Amino acid sequence: MQRVRALVAAMAVAIPLMIFLLLWLHATREFAVLIACALGLAIFAVVATGTDAHDAAADTAWKEAALDLPPVSDRVILERMQANMPGPEKTKRGNGRPRDGQDGGAAGPGQEPETR
């Protein structure tokens, strides 16, 4: 429903803007269509991502189902509360694999180690 409302709002602004650019400002057709589409897309994006009654109902159902969990639409708090995932441990410079171009005297499979 929110997307339909966003599409109607975008067209209600973009079409009159295009007519205004064509008739009163004597803009070229391509320029008028480009500007109107850009503004229409921006309006669509803003209106379509807004919250509506469906989101409020989802939050209410979420709170009733699990009282200790945060609301669905509270993404900022959810992002702040995320736990850090442990990554691979980094090796120290002298203990890890040799860098590119440096053998370090290591032998590959089926090779004899070099003596220096």
PDB file of N, CA and C in Angstrom:
ATOM      1  N   MET A   1       0.815  -1.185   0.000  1.00  0.00           N
ATOM      2  CA  MET A   1       0.000   0.000   0.000  1.00  0.00           C
ATOM      3  C   MET A   1       0.867   1.260   0.000  1.00  0.00           C
ATOM      4  N   GLN A   2       1.981   1.170   0.736  1.00  0.00           N
ATOM      5  CA  GLN A   2       2.870   2.325   0.821  1.00  0.00           C
ATOM      6  C   GLN A   2       3.508   2.625  -0.543  1.00  0.00           C
ATOM      7  N   ARG A   3       3.815   1.586  -1.309  1.00  0.00           N
ATOM      8  CA  ARG A   3       4.411   1.802  -2.631  1.00  0.00           C
ATOM      9  C   ARG A   3       3.422   2.435  -3.600  1.00  0.00           C
ATOM     10  N   VAL A   4       2.162   2.044  -3.501  1.00  0.00           N
ATOM     11  CA  VAL A   4       1.137   2.644  -4.362  1.00  0.00           C
ATOM     12  C   VAL A   4       0.977   4.111  -4.021  1.00  0.00           C
ATOM     13  N   ARG A   5       0.948   4.417  -2.739  1.00  0.00           N
ATOM     14  CA  ARG A   5       0.853   5.806  -2.304  1.00  0.00           C
ATOM     15  C   ARG A   5       2.067   6.605  -2.781  1.00  0.00           C
ATOM     16  N   ALA A   6       3.244   5.994  -2.737  1.00  0.00           N
ATOM     17  CA  ALA A   6       4.459   6.664  -3.191  1.00  0.00           C
ATOM     18  C   ALA A   6       4.424   6.902  -4.699  1.00  0.00           C
ATOM     19  N   LEU A   7       3.928   5.933  -5.446  1.00  0.00           N
ATOM     20  CA  LEU A   7       3.836   6.083  -6.898  1.00  0.00           C
ATOM     21  C   LEU A   7       2.864   7.198  -7.280  1.00  0.00           C
ATOM     22  N   VAL A   8       1.744   7.274  -6.602  1.00  0.00           N
ATOM     23  CA  VAL A   8       0.769   8.332  -6.874  1.00  0.00           C
ATOM     24  C   VAL A   8       1.354   9.698  -6.535  1.00  0.00           C
ATOM     25  N   ALA A   9       2.036   9.798  -5.402  1.00  0.00           N
ATOM     26  CA  ALA A   9       2.634  11.075  -5.016  1.00  0.00           C
ATOM     27  C   ALA A   9       3.727  11.498  -5.995  1.00  0.00           C
ATOM     28  N   ALA A  10       4.529  10.552  -6.444  1.00  0.00           N
ATOM     29  CA  ALA A  10       5.601  10.870  -7.388  1.00  0.00           C
ATOM     30  C   ALA A  10       5.029  11.340  -8.721  1.00  0.00           C
ATOM     31  N   MET A  11       4.000  10.667  -9.201  1.00  0.00           N
ATOM     32  CA  MET A  11       3.402  11.073 -10.479  1.00  0.00           C
ATOM     33  C   MET A  11       2.661  12.400 -10.357  1.00  0.00           C
ATOM     34  N   ALA A  12       2.052  12.651  -9.188  1.00  0.00           N
ATOM     35  CA  ALA A  12       1.326  13.909  -8.984  1.00  0.00           C
ATOM     36  C   ALA A  12       2.261  15.112  -8.997  1.00  0.00           C
ATOM     37  N   VAL A  13       3.518  14.896  -8.699  1.00  0.00           N
ATOM     38  CA  VAL A  13       4.486  15.998  -8.735  1.00  0.00           C
ATOM     39  C   VAL A  13       5.247  16.014 -10.059  1.00  0.00           C
ATOM     40  N   ALA A  14       5.636  14.851 -10.565  1.00  0.00           N
ATOM     41  CA  ALA A  14       6.497  14.779 -11.741  1.00  0.00           C
ATOM     42  C   ALA A  14       5.785  15.235 -13.013  1.00  0.00           C
ATOM     43  N   ILE A  15       4.543  14.853 -13.199  1.00  0.00           N
ATOM     44  CA  ILE A  15       3.833  15.211 -14.437  1.00  0.00           C
ATOM     45  C   ILE A  15       3.585  16.719 -14.526  1.00  0.00           C
ATOM     46  N   PRO A  16       3.078  17.382 -13.488  1.00  0.00           N
ATOM     47  CA  PRO A  16       2.936  18.844 -13.589  1.00  0.00           C
ATOM     48  C   PRO A  16       4.278  19.566 -13.751  1.00  0.00           C
ATOM     49  N   LEU A  17       5.323  19.034 -13.107  1.00  0.00           N
ATOM     50  CA  LEU A  17       6.649  19.642 -13.278  1.00  0.00           C
ATOM     51  C   LEU A  17       7.109  19.530 -14.726  1.00  0.00           C
ATOM     52  N   MET A  18       6.904  18.379 -15.335  1.00  0.00           N
ATOM     53  CA  MET A  18       7.306  18.203 -16.727  1.00  0.00           C
ATOM     54  C   MET A  18       6.520  19.143 -17.642  1.00  0.00           C
ATOM     55  N   ILE A  19       5.232  19.286 -17.407  1.00  0.00           N
ATOM     56  CA  ILE A  19       4.417  20.207 -18.221  1.00  0.00           C
ATOM     57  C   ILE A  19       4.883  21.640 -18.024  1.00  0.00           C
ATOM     58  N   PHE A  20       5.196  22.012 -16.778  1.00  0.00           N
ATOM     59  CA  PHE A  20       5.695  23.358 -16.499  1.00  0.00           C
ATOM     60  C   PHE A  20       7.007  23.619 -17.232  1.00  0.00           C
ATOM     61  N   LEU A  21       7.908  22.654 -17.178  1.00  0.00           N
ATOM     62  CA  LEU A  21       9.201  22.831 -17.847  1.00  0.00           C
ATOM     63  C   LEU A  21       9.036  22.938 -19.364  1.00  0.00           C
ATOM     64  N   LEU A  22       8.124  22.169 -19.913  1.00  0.00           N
ATOM     65  CA  LEU A  22       7.927  22.188 -21.362  1.00  0.00           C
ATOM     66  C   LEU A  22       7.240  23.465 -21.836  1.00  0.00           C
ATOM     67  N   LEU A  23       6.154  23.845 -21.173  1.00  0.00           N
ATOM     68  CA  LEU A  23       5.338  24.945 -21.673  1.00  0.00           C
ATOM     69  C   LEU A  23       5.849  26.320 -21.258  1.00  0.00           C
ATOM     70  N   TRP A  24       6.160  26.509 -20.003  1.00  0.00           N
ATOM     71  CA  TRP A  24       6.522  27.844 -19.549  1.00  0.00           C
ATOM     72  C   TRP A  24       8.017  28.132 -19.657  1.00  0.00           C
ATOM     73  N   LEU A  25       8.840  27.136 -19.418  1.00  0.00           N
ATOM     74  CA  LEU A  25      10.284  27.378 -19.482  1.00  0.00           C
ATOM     75  C   LEU A  25      10.880  26.992 -20.833  1.00  0.00           C
ATOM     76  N   HIS A  26      10.081  26.425 -21.724  1.00  0.00           N
ATOM     77  CA  HIS A  26      10.505  26.033 -23.075  1.00  0.00           C
ATOM     78  C   HIS A  26      11.743  25.131 -23.049  1.00  0.00           C
ATOM     79  N   ALA A  27      11.730  24.177 -22.137  1.00  0.00           N
ATOM     80  CA  ALA A  27      12.831  23.225 -22.049  1.00  0.00           C
ATOM     81  C   ALA A  27      12.660  22.155 -23.123  1.00  0.00           C
ATOM     82  N   THR A  28      13.741  21.492 -23.458  1.00  0.00           N
ATOM     83  CA  THR A  28      13.634  20.386 -24.419  1.00  0.00           C
ATOM     84  C   THR A  28      12.893  19.225 -23.759  1.00  0.00           C
ATOM     85  N   ARG A  29      12.314  18.375 -24.573  1.00  0.00           N
ATOM     86  CA  ARG A  29      11.544  17.252 -24.061  1.00  0.00           C
ATOM     87  C   ARG A  29      12.399  16.336 -23.184  1.00  0.00           C
ATOM     88  N   GLU A  30      13.616  16.044 -23.648  1.00  0.00           N
ATOM     89  CA  GLU A  30      14.490  15.144 -22.914  1.00  0.00           C
ATOM     90  C   GLU A  30      14.861  15.718 -21.549  1.00  0.00           C
ATOM     91  N   PHE A  31      15.167  17.009 -21.520  1.00  0.00           N
ATOM     92  CA  PHE A  31      15.536  17.662 -20.267  1.00  0.00           C
ATOM     93  C   PHE A  31      14.357  17.660 -19.291  1.00  0.00           C
ATOM     94  N   ALA A  32      13.171  17.965 -19.781  1.00  0.00           N
ATOM     95  CA  ALA A  32      11.983  18.004 -18.920  1.00  0.00           C
ATOM     96  C   ALA A  32      11.668  16.613 -18.357  1.00  0.00           C
ATOM     97  N   VAL A  33      11.774  15.600 -19.195  1.00  0.00           N
ATOM     98  CA  VAL A  33      11.504  14.232 -18.738  1.00  0.00           C
ATOM     99  C   VAL A  33      12.560  13.798 -17.731  1.00  0.00           C
ATOM    100  N   LEU A  34      13.818  14.118 -17.975  1.00  0.00           N
ATOM    101  CA  LEU A  34      14.902  13.734 -17.074  1.00  0.00           C
ATOM    102  C   LEU A  34      14.724  14.378 -15.695  1.00  0.00           C
ATOM    103  N   ILE A  35      14.448  15.672 -15.664  1.00  0.00           N
ATOM    104  CA  ILE A  35      14.268  16.367 -14.389  1.00  0.00           C
ATOM    105  C   ILE A  35      13.031  15.845 -13.659  1.00  0.00           C
ATOM    106  N   ALA A  36      11.936  15.658 -14.365  1.00  0.00           N
ATOM    107  CA  ALA A  36      10.708  15.175 -13.740  1.00  0.00           C
ATOM    108  C   ALA A  36      10.889  13.757 -13.198  1.00  0.00           C
ATOM    109  N   CYS A  37      11.566  12.904 -13.950  1.00  0.00           N
ATOM    110  CA  CYS A  37      11.803  11.538 -13.485  1.00  0.00           C
ATOM    111  C   CYS A  37      12.710  11.521 -12.253  1.00  0.00           C
ATOM    112  N   ALA A  38      13.725  12.362 -12.238  1.00  0.00           N
ATOM    113  CA  ALA A  38      14.628  12.416 -11.082  1.00  0.00           C
ATOM    114  C   ALA A  38      13.881  12.848  -9.823  1.00  0.00           C
ATOM    115  N   LEU A  39      13.075  13.878  -9.936  1.00  0.00           N
ATOM    116  CA  LEU A  39      12.305  14.329  -8.778  1.00  0.00           C
ATOM    117  C   LEU A  39      11.250  13.295  -8.387  1.00  0.00           C
ATOM    118  N   GLY A  40      10.606  12.686  -9.359  1.00  0.00           N
ATOM    119  CA  GLY A  40       9.617  11.645  -9.072  1.00  0.00           C
ATOM    120  C   GLY A  40      10.228  10.452  -8.370  1.00  0.00           C
ATOM    121  N   LEU A  41      11.422  10.052  -8.790  1.00  0.00           N
ATOM    122  CA  LEU A  41      12.104   8.936  -8.150  1.00  0.00           C
ATOM    123  C   LEU A  41      12.483   9.279  -6.712  1.00  0.00           C
ATOM    124  N   ALA A  42      12.923  10.516  -6.480  1.00  0.00           N
ATOM    125  CA  ALA A  42      13.265  10.933  -5.121  1.00  0.00           C
ATOM    126  C   ALA A  42      12.029  10.926  -4.221  1.00  0.00           C
ATOM    127  N   ILE A  43      10.926  11.431  -4.724  1.00  0.00           N
ATOM    128  CA  ILE A  43       9.685  11.441  -3.939  1.00  0.00           C
ATOM    129  C   ILE A  43       9.216  10.015  -3.677  1.00  0.00           C
ATOM    130  N   PHE A  44       9.299   9.161  -4.688  1.00  0.00           N
ATOM    131  CA  PHE A  44       8.914   7.760  -4.520  1.00  0.00           C
ATOM    132  C   PHE A  44       9.748   7.102  -3.425  1.00  0.00           C
ATOM    133  N   ALA A  45      11.062   7.343  -3.437  1.00  0.00           N
ATOM    134  CA  ALA A  45      11.940   6.717  -2.452  1.00  0.00           C
ATOM    135  C   ALA A  45      11.607   7.170  -1.035  1.00  0.00           C
ATOM    136  N   VAL A  46      11.322   8.456  -0.870  1.00  0.00           N
ATOM    137  CA  VAL A  46      11.038   8.972   0.465  1.00  0.00           C
ATOM    138  C   VAL A  46       9.695   8.451   0.980  1.00  0.00           C
ATOM    139  N   VAL A  47       8.679   8.498   0.147  1.00  0.00           N
ATOM    140  CA  VAL A  47       7.346   8.092   0.595  1.00  0.00           C
ATOM    141  C   VAL A  47       7.262   6.572   0.759  1.00  0.00           C
ATOM    142  N   ALA A  48       7.895   5.807  -0.118  1.00  0.00           N
ATOM    143  CA  ALA A  48       7.792   4.352  -0.063  1.00  0.00           C
ATOM    144  C   ALA A  48       8.499   3.757   1.148  1.00  0.00           C
ATOM    145  N   THR A  49       9.510   4.443   1.670  1.00  0.00           N
ATOM    146  CA  THR A  49      10.231   3.895   2.811  1.00  0.00           C
ATOM    147  C   THR A  49       9.688   4.376   4.146  1.00  0.00           C
ATOM    148  N   GLY A  50       8.627   5.138   4.132  1.00  0.00           N
ATOM    149  CA  GLY A  50       8.027   5.609   5.379  1.00  0.00           C
ATOM    150  C   GLY A  50       7.282   4.499   6.092  1.00  0.00           C
ATOM    151  N   THR A  51       6.968   4.745   7.348  1.00  0.00           N
ATOM    152  CA  THR A  51       6.217   3.759   8.111  1.00  0.00           C
ATOM    153  C   THR A  51       4.722   4.032   7.974  1.00  0.00           C
ATOM    154  N   ASP A  52       3.942   3.009   8.126  1.00  0.00           N
ATOM    155  CA  ASP A  52       2.493   3.154   8.026  1.00  0.00           C
ATOM    156  C   ASP A  52       1.836   2.330   9.128  1.00  0.00           C
ATOM    157  N   ALA A  53       0.537   2.151   9.037  1.00  0.00           N
ATOM    158  CA  ALA A  53      -0.210   1.422  10.057  1.00  0.00           C
ATOM    159  C   ALA A  53       0.209  -0.047  10.122  1.00  0.00           C
ATOM    160  N   HIS A  54       0.623  -0.604   8.999  1.00  0.00           N
ATOM    161  CA  HIS A  54       1.054  -2.002   8.977  1.00  0.00           C
ATOM    162  C   HIS A  54       2.297  -2.191   9.843  1.00  0.00           C
ATOM    163  N   ASP A  55       3.240  -1.238   9.775  1.00  0.00           N
ATOM    164  CA  ASP A  55       4.437  -1.331  10.607  1.00  0.00           C
ATOM    165  C   ASP A  55       4.095  -1.205  12.088  1.00  0.00           C
ATOM    166  N   ALA A  56       3.161  -0.327  12.422  1.00  0.00           N
ATOM    167  CA  ALA A  56       2.749  -0.182  13.819  1.00  0.00           C
ATOM    168  C   ALA A  56       2.077  -1.456  14.322  1.00  0.00           C
ATOM    169  N   ALA A  57       1.278  -2.096  13.466  1.00  0.00           N
ATOM    170  CA  ALA A  57       0.636  -3.358  13.855  1.00  0.00           C
ATOM    171  C   ALA A  57       1.675  -4.461  14.025  1.00  0.00           C
ATOM    172  N   ALA A  58       2.692  -4.468  13.182  1.00  0.00           N
ATOM    173  CA  ALA A  58       3.758  -5.464  13.305  1.00  0.00           C
ATOM    174  C   ALA A  58       4.533  -5.263  14.609  1.00  0.00           C
ATOM    175  N   ASP A  59       4.788  -4.014  14.975  1.00  0.00           N
ATOM    176  CA  ASP A  59       5.472  -3.740  16.236  1.00  0.00           C
ATOM    177  C   ASP A  59       4.649  -4.198  17.425  1.00  0.00           C
ATOM    178  N   THR A  60       3.349  -3.952  17.380  1.00  0.00           N
ATOM    179  CA  THR A  60       2.478  -4.367  18.475  1.00  0.00           C
ATOM    180  C   THR A  60       2.455  -5.888  18.609  1.00  0.00           C
ATOM    181  N   ALA A  61       2.349  -6.578  17.483  1.00  0.00           N
ATOM    182  CA  ALA A  61       2.347  -8.044  17.511  1.00  0.00           C
ATOM    183  C   ALA A  61       3.686  -8.576  18.012  1.00  0.00           C
ATOM    184  N   TRP A  62       4.772  -7.924  17.624  1.00  0.00           N
ATOM    185  CA  TRP A  62       6.109  -8.336  18.046  1.00  0.00           C
ATOM    186  C   TRP A  62       6.252  -8.172  19.559  1.00  0.00           C
ATOM    187  N   LYS A  63       5.766  -7.057  20.085  1.00  0.00           N
ATOM    188  CA  LYS A  63       5.865  -6.819  21.533  1.00  0.00           C
ATOM    189  C   LYS A  63       5.024  -7.817  22.326  1.00  0.00           C
ATOM    190  N   GLU A  64       3.857  -8.164  21.811  1.00  0.00           N
ATOM    191  CA  GLU A  64       3.005  -9.130  22.509  1.00  0.00           C
ATOM    192  C   GLU A  64       3.606 -10.533  22.478  1.00  0.00           C
ATOM    193  N   ALA A  65       4.273 -10.868  21.383  1.00  0.00           N
ATOM    194  CA  ALA A  65       4.835 -12.210  21.257  1.00  0.00           C
ATOM    195  C   ALA A  65       6.079 -12.389  22.126  1.00  0.00           C
ATOM    196  N   ALA A  66       6.915 -11.377  22.171  1.00  0.00           N
ATOM    197  CA  ALA A  66       8.157 -11.473  22.937  1.00  0.00           C
ATOM    198  C   ALA A  66       8.412 -10.135  23.612  1.00  0.00           C
ATOM    199  N   LEU A  67       8.071 -10.048  24.876  1.00  0.00           N
ATOM    200  CA  LEU A  67       8.155  -8.786  25.588  1.00  0.00           C
ATOM    201  C   LEU A  67       9.586  -8.309  25.815  1.00  0.00           C
ATOM    202  N   ASP A  68      10.543  -9.223  25.838  1.00  0.00           N
ATOM    203  CA  ASP A  68      11.916  -8.825  26.107  1.00  0.00           C
ATOM    204  C   ASP A  68      12.693  -8.414  24.852  1.00  0.00           C
ATOM    205  N   LEU A  69      12.096  -8.545  23.666  1.00  0.00           N
ATOM    206  CA  LEU A  69      12.786  -8.197  22.422  1.00  0.00           C
ATOM    207  C   LEU A  69      12.458  -6.766  22.003  1.00  0.00           C
ATOM    208  N   PRO A  70      13.390  -6.112  21.277  1.00  0.00           N
ATOM    209  CA  PRO A  70      13.140  -4.734  20.838  1.00  0.00           C
ATOM    210  C   PRO A  70      12.122  -4.696  19.700  1.00  0.00           C
ATOM    211  N   PRO A  71      11.527  -3.521  19.421  1.00  0.00           N
ATOM    212  CA  PRO A  71      10.557  -3.421  18.329  1.00  0.00           C
ATOM    213  C   PRO A  71      11.197  -3.673  16.969  1.00  0.00           C
ATOM    214  N   VAL A  72      10.384  -4.084  16.018  1.00  0.00           N
ATOM    215  CA  VAL A  72      10.864  -4.427  14.684  1.00  0.00           C
ATOM    216  C   VAL A  72      11.460  -3.210  13.982  1.00  0.00           C
ATOM    217  N   SER A  73      10.798  -2.076  14.084  1.00  0.00           N
ATOM    218  CA  SER A  73      11.216  -0.921  13.296  1.00  0.00           C
ATOM    219  C   SER A  73      12.322  -0.121  13.952  1.00  0.00           C
ATOM    220  N   ASP A  74      12.812  -0.528  15.123  1.00  0.00           N
ATOM    221  CA  ASP A  74      13.852   0.216  15.816  1.00  0.00           C
ATOM    222  C   ASP A  74      15.218  -0.294  15.369  1.00  0.00           C
ATOM    223  N   ARG A  75      15.588  -0.007  14.154  1.00  0.00           N
ATOM    224  CA  ARG A  75      16.813  -0.542  13.564  1.00  0.00           C
ATOM    225  C   ARG A  75      18.067   0.089  14.147  1.00  0.00           C
ATOM    226  N   VAL A  76      17.990   1.335  14.579  1.00  0.00           N
ATOM    227  CA  VAL A  76      19.172   2.012  15.121  1.00  0.00           C
ATOM    228  C   VAL A  76      19.643   1.301  16.383  1.00  0.00           C
ATOM    229  N   ILE A  77      18.710   0.977  17.267  1.00  0.00           N
ATOM    230  CA  ILE A  77      19.088   0.279  18.497  1.00  0.00           C
ATOM    231  C   ILE A  77      19.587  -1.124  18.171  1.00  0.00           C
ATOM    232  N   LEU A  78      18.959  -1.788  17.213  1.00  0.00           N
ATOM    233  CA  LEU A  78      19.412  -3.123  16.835  1.00  0.00           C
ATOM    234  C   LEU A  78      20.839  -3.100  16.303  1.00  0.00           C
ATOM    235  N   GLU A  79      21.181  -2.077  15.519  1.00  0.00           N
ATOM    236  CA  GLU A  79      22.537  -1.986  14.990  1.00  0.00           C
ATOM    237  C   GLU A  79      23.546  -1.723  16.096  1.00  0.00           C
ATOM    238  N   ARG A  80      23.168  -0.940  17.082  1.00  0.00           N
ATOM    239  CA  ARG A  80      24.080  -0.638  18.185  1.00  0.00           C
ATOM    240  C   ARG A  80      24.285  -1.844  19.090  1.00  0.00           C
ATOM    241  N   MET A  81      23.267  -2.687  19.194  1.00  0.00           N
ATOM    242  CA  MET A  81      23.323  -3.816  20.114  1.00  0.00           C
ATOM    243  C   MET A  81      23.968  -5.062  19.501  1.00  0.00           C
ATOM    244  N   GLN A  82      24.348  -5.022  18.244  1.00  0.00           N
ATOM    245  CA  GLN A  82      24.918  -6.210  17.621  1.00  0.00           C
ATOM    246  C   GLN A  82      26.235  -6.576  18.285  1.00  0.00           C
ATOM    247  N   ALA A  83      26.410  -7.851  18.486  1.00  0.00           N
ATOM    248  CA  ALA A  83      27.653  -8.330  19.078  1.00  0.00           C
ATOM    249  C   ALA A  83      28.714  -8.412  17.995  1.00  0.00           C
ATOM    250  N   ASN A  84      29.945  -8.151  18.374  1.00  0.00           N
ATOM    251  CA  ASN A  84      31.048  -8.272  17.428  1.00  0.00           C
ATOM    252  C   ASN A  84      31.367  -9.749  17.224  1.00  0.00           C
ATOM    253  N   MET A  85      31.469 -10.135  15.983  1.00  0.00           N
ATOM    254  CA  MET A  85      31.809 -11.511  15.653  1.00  0.00           C
ATOM    255  C   MET A  85      33.330 -11.647  15.681  1.00  0.00           C
ATOM    256  N   PRO A  86      33.844 -12.686  16.330  1.00  0.00           N
ATOM    257  CA  PRO A  86      35.294 -12.854  16.335  1.00  0.00           C
ATOM    258  C   PRO A  86      35.780 -13.267  14.953  1.00  0.00           C
ATOM    259  N   GLY A  87      36.844 -12.648  14.512  1.00  0.00           N
ATOM    260  CA  GLY A  87      37.404 -12.959  13.208  1.00  0.00           C
ATOM    261  C   GLY A  87      38.620 -13.859  13.350  1.00  0.00           C
ATOM    262  N   PRO A  88      39.272 -14.133  12.243  1.00  0.00           N
ATOM    263  CA  PRO A  88      40.476 -14.962  12.317  1.00  0.00           C
ATOM    264  C   PRO A  88      41.579 -14.222  13.060  1.00  0.00           C
ATOM    265  N   GLU A  89      42.337 -14.958  13.827  1.00  0.00           N
ATOM    266  CA  GLU A  89      43.408 -14.333  14.579  1.00  0.00           C
ATOM    267  C   GLU A  89      44.532 -13.941  13.636  1.00  0.00           C
ATOM    268  N   LYS A  90      45.080 -12.763  13.845  1.00  0.00           N
ATOM    269  CA  LYS A  90      46.177 -12.287  13.007  1.00  0.00           C
ATOM    270  C   LYS A  90      47.490 -12.809  13.570  1.00  0.00           C
ATOM    271  N   THR A  91      48.353 -13.215  12.664  1.00  0.00           N
ATOM    272  CA  THR A  91      49.661 -13.676  13.095  1.00  0.00           C
ATOM    273  C   THR A  91      50.603 -12.491  13.172  1.00  0.00           C
ATOM    274  N   LYS A  92      51.597 -12.631  14.027  1.00  0.00           N
ATOM    275  CA  LYS A  92      52.590 -11.562  14.140  1.00  0.00           C
ATOM    276  C   LYS A  92      53.488 -11.603  12.931  1.00  0.00           C
ATOM    277  N   ARG A  93      54.190 -10.523  12.694  1.00  0.00           N
ATOM    278  CA  ARG A  93      54.989 -10.389  11.469  1.00  0.00           C
ATOM    279  C   ARG A  93      56.012 -11.494  11.289  1.00  0.00           C
ATOM    280  N   GLY A  94      56.731 -11.863  12.314  1.00  0.00           N
ATOM    281  CA  GLY A  94      57.803 -12.838  12.150  1.00  0.00           C
ATOM    282  C   GLY A  94      57.325 -14.271  12.173  1.00  0.00           C
ATOM    283  N   ASN A  95      56.114 -14.537  12.623  1.00  0.00           N
ATOM    284  CA  ASN A  95      55.672 -15.913  12.827  1.00  0.00           C
ATOM    285  C   ASN A  95      54.810 -16.474  11.701  1.00  0.00           C
ATOM    286  N   GLY A  96      54.263 -15.631  10.872  1.00  0.00           N
ATOM    287  CA  GLY A  96      53.311 -16.086   9.863  1.00  0.00           C
ATOM    288  C   GLY A  96      53.974 -16.560   8.594  1.00  0.00           C
ATOM    289  N   ARG A  97      53.181 -16.651   7.562  1.00  0.00           N
ATOM    290  CA  ARG A  97      53.699 -17.040   6.259  1.00  0.00           C
ATOM    291  C   ARG A  97      54.612 -15.946   5.733  1.00  0.00           C
ATOM    292  N   PRO A  98      55.570 -16.286   4.907  1.00  0.00           N
ATOM    293  CA  PRO A  98      56.416 -15.242   4.321  1.00  0.00           C
ATOM    294  C   PRO A  98      55.619 -14.405   3.331  1.00  0.00           C
ATOM    295  N   ARG A  99      56.035 -13.183   3.173  1.00  0.00           N
ATOM    296  CA  ARG A  99      55.370 -12.297   2.224  1.00  0.00           C
ATOM    297  C   ARG A  99      55.640 -12.741   0.796  1.00  0.00           C
ATOM    298  N   ASP A 100      54.912 -12.167  -0.146  1.00  0.00           N
ATOM    299  CA  ASP A 100      55.115 -12.502  -1.554  1.00  0.00           C
ATOM    300  C   ASP A 100      56.544 -12.184  -1.967  1.00  0.00           C
ATOM    301  N   GLY A 101      57.148 -13.087  -2.678  1.00  0.00           N
ATOM    302  CA  GLY A 101      58.495 -12.867  -3.183  1.00  0.00           C
ATOM    303  C   GLY A 101      59.565 -13.294  -2.195  1.00  0.00           C
ATOM    304  N   GLN A 102      59.207 -13.670  -0.992  1.00  0.00           N
ATOM    305  CA  GLN A 102      60.186 -14.113  -0.004  1.00  0.00           C
ATOM    306  C   GLN A 102      59.921 -15.577   0.307  1.00  0.00           C
ATOM    307  N   ASP A 103      60.922 -16.383   0.098  1.00  0.00           N
ATOM    308  CA  ASP A 103      60.763 -17.809   0.357  1.00  0.00           C
ATOM    309  C   ASP A 103      60.860 -18.122   1.837  1.00  0.00           C
ATOM    310  N   GLY A 104      61.813 -17.491   2.481  1.00  0.00           N
ATOM    311  CA  GLY A 104      61.994 -17.764   3.893  1.00  0.00           C
ATOM    312  C   GLY A 104      62.581 -19.143   4.144  1.00  0.00           C
ATOM    313  N   GLY A 105      63.122 -19.808   3.120  1.00  0.00           N
ATOM    314  CA  GLY A 105      63.736 -21.113   3.295  1.00  0.00           C
ATOM    315  C   GLY A 105      62.735 -22.236   3.426  1.00  0.00           C
ATOM    316  N   ALA A 106      61.477 -21.970   3.233  1.00  0.00           N
ATOM    317  CA  ALA A 106      60.462 -23.011   3.374  1.00  0.00           C
ATOM    318  C   ALA A 106      60.439 -23.877   2.130  1.00  0.00           C
ATOM    319  N   ALA A 107      60.289 -25.138   2.351  1.00  0.00           N
ATOM    320  CA  ALA A 107      60.243 -26.068   1.228  1.00  0.00           C
ATOM    321  C   ALA A 107      58.796 -26.370   0.893  1.00  0.00           C
ATOM    322  N   GLY A 108      58.525 -26.449  -0.403  1.00  0.00           N
ATOM    323  CA  GLY A 108      57.197 -26.819  -0.844  1.00  0.00           C
ATOM    324  C   GLY A 108      57.053 -28.317  -0.829  1.00  0.00           C
ATOM    325  N   PRO A 109      55.907 -28.824  -1.233  1.00  0.00           N
ATOM    326  CA  PRO A 109      55.729 -30.274  -1.244  1.00  0.00           C
ATOM    327  C   PRO A 109      56.684 -30.932  -2.232  1.00  0.00           C
ATOM    328  N   GLY A 110      57.420 -31.921  -1.762  1.00  0.00           N
ATOM    329  CA  GLY A 110      58.321 -32.660  -2.629  1.00  0.00           C
ATOM    330  C   GLY A 110      59.633 -31.944  -2.915  1.00  0.00           C
ATOM    331  N   GLN A 111      59.966 -30.888  -2.165  1.00  0.00           N
ATOM    332  CA  GLN A 111      61.218 -30.151  -2.384  1.00  0.00           C
ATOM    333  C   GLN A 111      62.082 -30.238  -1.154  1.00  0.00           C
ATOM    334  N   GLU A 112      63.352 -30.109  -1.394  1.00  0.00           N
ATOM    335  CA  GLU A 112      64.325 -30.085  -0.291  1.00  0.00           C
ATOM    336  C   GLU A 112      64.437 -28.651   0.212  1.00  0.00           C
ATOM    337  N   PRO A 113      64.566 -28.420   1.512  1.00  0.00           N
ATOM    338  CA  PRO A 113      64.757 -27.065   2.015  1.00  0.00           C
ATOM    339  C   PRO A 113      66.113 -26.507   1.603  1.00  0.00           C
ATOM    340  N   GLU A 114      66.143 -25.213   1.357  1.00  0.00           N
ATOM    341  CA  GLU A 114      67.391 -24.561   0.953  1.00  0.00           C
ATOM    342  C   GLU A 114      68.243 -24.324   2.189  1.00  0.00           C
ATOM    343  N   THR A 115      69.537 -24.465   1.998  1.00  0.00           N
ATOM    344  CA  THR A 115      70.461 -24.152   3.088  1.00  0.00           C
ATOM    345  C   THR A 115      71.218 -22.910   2.689  1.00  0.00           C
ATOM    346  N   ARG A 116      71.402 -22.024   3.615  1.00  0.00           N
ATOM    347  CA  ARG A 116      72.087 -20.752   3.320  1.00  0.00           C
ATOM    348  C   ARG A 116      73.330 -20.627   4.108  1.00  0.00           C
TER     349      ARG A 116
END
